[in-house]
């Protein structure tokens, strides 16, 4: 089986051989294939680990009540406390300005009017 290299890959391999880091192209190829094999084993372990975590999250979610997204944002967003204290028509323009500022900062503003 022949293996074709891009010019950049060939230059890289030749530089390693010329620097004496490897005795031959065969040794370099052997090291490269061992590294590829190790990488694939590590990736398989990572994929299995992620699958186990997903399965555990699914099991946990079956025993956990759902979260109301709007209520969560209202409790956790930095502007939520202010929204409750400063609501009503007189604050409408102020909240619009805050929302505009937050959009410019690429941060959504959650506030009730």
C-alpha atoms as a PDB file:
ATOM      1  CA  UNK A   1       0.000   0.000   0.000  1.00  0.00           C
ATOM      2  CA  UNK A   2       1.348   3.399  -0.920  1.00  0.00           C
ATOM      3  CA  UNK A   3       0.781   6.446   1.234  1.00  0.00           C
ATOM      4  CA  UNK A   4       0.681   9.808  -0.467  1.00  0.00           C
ATOM      5  CA  UNK A   5       1.783  12.871   1.458  1.00  0.00           C
ATOM      6  CA  UNK A   6       1.062  16.496   0.750  1.00  0.00           C
ATOM      7  CA  UNK A   7       4.150  18.579  -0.004  1.00  0.00           C
ATOM      8  CA  UNK A   8       3.916  20.091   3.498  1.00  0.00           C
ATOM      9  CA  UNK A   9       3.710  16.650   5.130  1.00  0.00           C
ATOM     10  CA  UNK A  10       6.636  15.411   3.070  1.00  0.00           C
ATOM     11  CA  UNK A  11       8.725  18.474   4.021  1.00  0.00           C
ATOM     12  CA  UNK A  12       7.866  17.888   7.679  1.00  0.00           C
ATOM     13  CA  UNK A  13       8.848  14.218   7.519  1.00  0.00           C
ATOM     14  CA  UNK A  14      12.068  14.997   5.673  1.00  0.00           C
ATOM     15  CA  UNK A  15      12.988  17.663   8.239  1.00  0.00           C
ATOM     16  CA  UNK A  16      12.586  15.096  11.031  1.00  0.00           C
ATOM     17  CA  UNK A  17      14.721  12.564   9.163  1.00  0.00           C
ATOM     18  CA  UNK A  18      17.418  15.134   8.331  1.00  0.00           C
ATOM     19  CA  UNK A  19      17.501  16.281  11.956  1.00  0.00           C
ATOM     20  CA  UNK A  20      18.245  12.704  12.966  1.00  0.00           C
ATOM     21  CA  UNK A  21      15.116  12.297  15.047  1.00  0.00           C
ATOM     22  CA  UNK A  22      14.306   9.099  13.144  1.00  0.00           C
ATOM     23  CA  UNK A  23      16.685   6.632  11.498  1.00  0.00           C
ATOM     24  CA  UNK A  24      14.445   5.918   8.517  1.00  0.00           C
ATOM     25  CA  UNK A  25      11.137   6.677   6.855  1.00  0.00           C
ATOM     26  CA  UNK A  26       9.923   3.292   8.095  1.00  0.00           C
ATOM     27  CA  UNK A  27      10.657   4.237  11.717  1.00  0.00           C
ATOM     28  CA  UNK A  28       8.877   7.557  11.258  1.00  0.00           C
ATOM     29  CA  UNK A  29       5.877   5.797   9.708  1.00  0.00           C
ATOM     30  CA  UNK A  30       5.822   3.278  12.572  1.00  0.00           C
ATOM     31  CA  UNK A  31       5.785   6.062  15.173  1.00  0.00           C
ATOM     32  CA  UNK A  32       3.071   7.929  13.258  1.00  0.00           C
ATOM     33  CA  UNK A  33       0.860   4.851  13.086  1.00  0.00           C
ATOM     34  CA  UNK A  34       1.348   4.090  16.785  1.00  0.00           C
ATOM     35  CA  UNK A  35       0.352   7.656  17.614  1.00  0.00           C
ATOM     36  CA  UNK A  36      -2.711   7.377  15.376  1.00  0.00           C
ATOM     37  CA  UNK A  37      -3.688   4.136  17.086  1.00  0.00           C
ATOM     38  CA  UNK A  38      -3.245   5.709  20.547  1.00  0.00           C
ATOM     39  CA  UNK A  39      -5.291   8.720  19.461  1.00  0.00           C
ATOM     40  CA  UNK A  40      -8.132   6.502  18.257  1.00  0.00           C
ATOM     41  CA  UNK A  41      -8.120   4.509  21.511  1.00  0.00           C
ATOM     42  CA  UNK A  42      -8.209   7.735  23.556  1.00  0.00           C
ATOM     43  CA  UNK A  43     -11.044   9.087  21.432  1.00  0.00           C
ATOM     44  CA  UNK A  44     -13.034   5.868  21.913  1.00  0.00           C
ATOM     45  CA  UNK A  45     -12.574   6.163  25.695  1.00  0.00           C
ATOM     46  CA  UNK A  46     -13.699   9.804  25.558  1.00  0.00           C
ATOM     47  CA  UNK A  47     -16.791   8.922  23.498  1.00  0.00           C
ATOM     48  CA  UNK A  48     -17.717   6.162  25.949  1.00  0.00           C
ATOM     49  CA  UNK A  49     -17.237   8.548  28.882  1.00  0.00           C
ATOM     50  CA  UNK A  50     -19.510  11.148  27.255  1.00  0.00           C
ATOM     51  CA  UNK A  51     -22.141   8.490  26.513  1.00  0.00           C
ATOM     52  CA  UNK A  52     -22.085   7.376  30.155  1.00  0.00           C
ATOM     53  CA  UNK A  53     -22.511  10.977  31.316  1.00  0.00           C
ATOM     54  CA  UNK A  54     -25.408  11.512  28.911  1.00  0.00           C
ATOM     55  CA  UNK A  55     -27.070   8.292  30.101  1.00  0.00           C
ATOM     56  CA  UNK A  56     -26.613   9.377  33.736  1.00  0.00           C
ATOM     57  CA  UNK A  57     -28.113  12.795  32.953  1.00  0.00           C
ATOM     58  CA  UNK A  58     -31.104  11.161  31.284  1.00  0.00           C
ATOM     59  CA  UNK A  59     -31.674   8.913  34.304  1.00  0.00           C
ATOM     60  CA  UNK A  60     -31.323  11.899  36.666  1.00  0.00           C
ATOM     61  CA  UNK A  61     -33.742  13.955  34.574  1.00  0.00           C
ATOM     62  CA  UNK A  62     -36.371  11.227  34.881  1.00  0.00           C
ATOM     63  CA  UNK A  63     -36.406  11.822  38.656  1.00  0.00           C
ATOM     64  CA  UNK A  64     -36.069  15.619  38.599  1.00  0.00           C
ATOM     65  CA  UNK A  65     -38.943  18.018  38.070  1.00  0.00           C
ATOM     66  CA  UNK A  66     -38.686  20.249  35.009  1.00  0.00           C
ATOM     67  CA  UNK A  67     -37.323  23.769  35.380  1.00  0.00           C
ATOM     68  CA  UNK A  68     -39.442  26.730  34.353  1.00  0.00           C
ATOM     69  CA  UNK A  69     -37.040  28.669  32.150  1.00  0.00           C
ATOM     70  CA  UNK A  70     -38.682  32.059  32.692  1.00  0.00           C
ATOM     71  CA  UNK A  71     -38.728  31.589  36.463  1.00  0.00           C
ATOM     72  CA  UNK A  72     -35.072  30.496  36.448  1.00  0.00           C
ATOM     73  CA  UNK A  73     -34.018  33.574  34.475  1.00  0.00           C
ATOM     74  CA  UNK A  74     -36.071  35.786  36.777  1.00  0.00           C
ATOM     75  CA  UNK A  75     -34.212  34.325  39.792  1.00  0.00           C
ATOM     76  CA  UNK A  76     -30.716  34.339  38.339  1.00  0.00           C
ATOM     77  CA  UNK A  77     -30.390  37.213  35.871  1.00  0.00           C
ATOM     78  CA  UNK A  78     -28.572  40.245  37.314  1.00  0.00           C
ATOM     79  CA  UNK A  79     -31.371  42.598  36.257  1.00  0.00           C
ATOM     80  CA  UNK A  80     -34.176  40.431  37.670  1.00  0.00           C
ATOM     81  CA  UNK A  81     -34.126  42.024  41.128  1.00  0.00           C
ATOM     82  CA  UNK A  82     -34.315  45.484  39.598  1.00  0.00           C
ATOM     83  CA  UNK A  83     -37.108  44.510  37.238  1.00  0.00           C
ATOM     84  CA  UNK A  84     -39.451  43.750  40.123  1.00  0.00           C
ATOM     85  CA  UNK A  85     -38.665  46.968  41.977  1.00  0.00           C
ATOM     86  CA  UNK A  86     -38.729  49.266  38.986  1.00  0.00           C
ATOM     87  CA  UNK A  87     -41.656  48.200  36.869  1.00  0.00           C
ATOM     88  CA  UNK A  88     -44.576  50.050  35.413  1.00  0.00           C
ATOM     89  CA  UNK A  89     -45.108  52.519  32.610  1.00  0.00           C
ATOM     90  CA  UNK A  90     -42.807  55.146  34.117  1.00  0.00           C
ATOM     91  CA  UNK A  91     -39.863  52.713  33.843  1.00  0.00           C
ATOM     92  CA  UNK A  92     -40.665  51.481  30.339  1.00  0.00           C
ATOM     93  CA  UNK A  93     -38.231  53.837  28.586  1.00  0.00           C
ATOM     94  CA  UNK A  94     -35.504  53.133  31.137  1.00  0.00           C
ATOM     95  CA  UNK A  95     -35.780  49.371  30.508  1.00  0.00           C
ATOM     96  CA  UNK A  96     -35.711  49.949  26.754  1.00  0.00           C
ATOM     97  CA  UNK A  97     -32.441  51.865  27.161  1.00  0.00           C
ATOM     98  CA  UNK A  98     -30.996  49.106  29.362  1.00  0.00           C
ATOM     99  CA  UNK A  99     -32.028  46.446  26.840  1.00  0.00           C
ATOM    100  CA  UNK A 100     -30.489  48.476  24.017  1.00  0.00           C
ATOM    101  CA  UNK A 101     -27.244  48.842  25.989  1.00  0.00           C
ATOM    102  CA  UNK A 102     -27.160  45.117  26.783  1.00  0.00           C
ATOM    103  CA  UNK A 103     -27.692  44.199  23.126  1.00  0.00           C
ATOM    104  CA  UNK A 104     -24.755  46.405  22.186  1.00  0.00           C
ATOM    105  CA  UNK A 105     -22.715  44.529  24.777  1.00  0.00           C
ATOM    106  CA  UNK A 106     -24.038  41.261  23.272  1.00  0.00           C
ATOM    107  CA  UNK A 107     -25.747  40.371  26.558  1.00  0.00           C
ATOM    108  CA  UNK A 108     -29.531  39.841  26.578  1.00  0.00           C
ATOM    109  CA  UNK A 109     -31.469  41.870  29.122  1.00  0.00           C
ATOM    110  CA  UNK A 110     -34.346  40.143  30.900  1.00  0.00           C
ATOM    111  CA  UNK A 111     -36.699  42.602  32.528  1.00  0.00           C
ATOM    112  CA  UNK A 112     -40.420  42.940  32.872  1.00  0.00           C
ATOM    113  CA  UNK A 113     -42.217  46.146  32.143  1.00  0.00           C
END
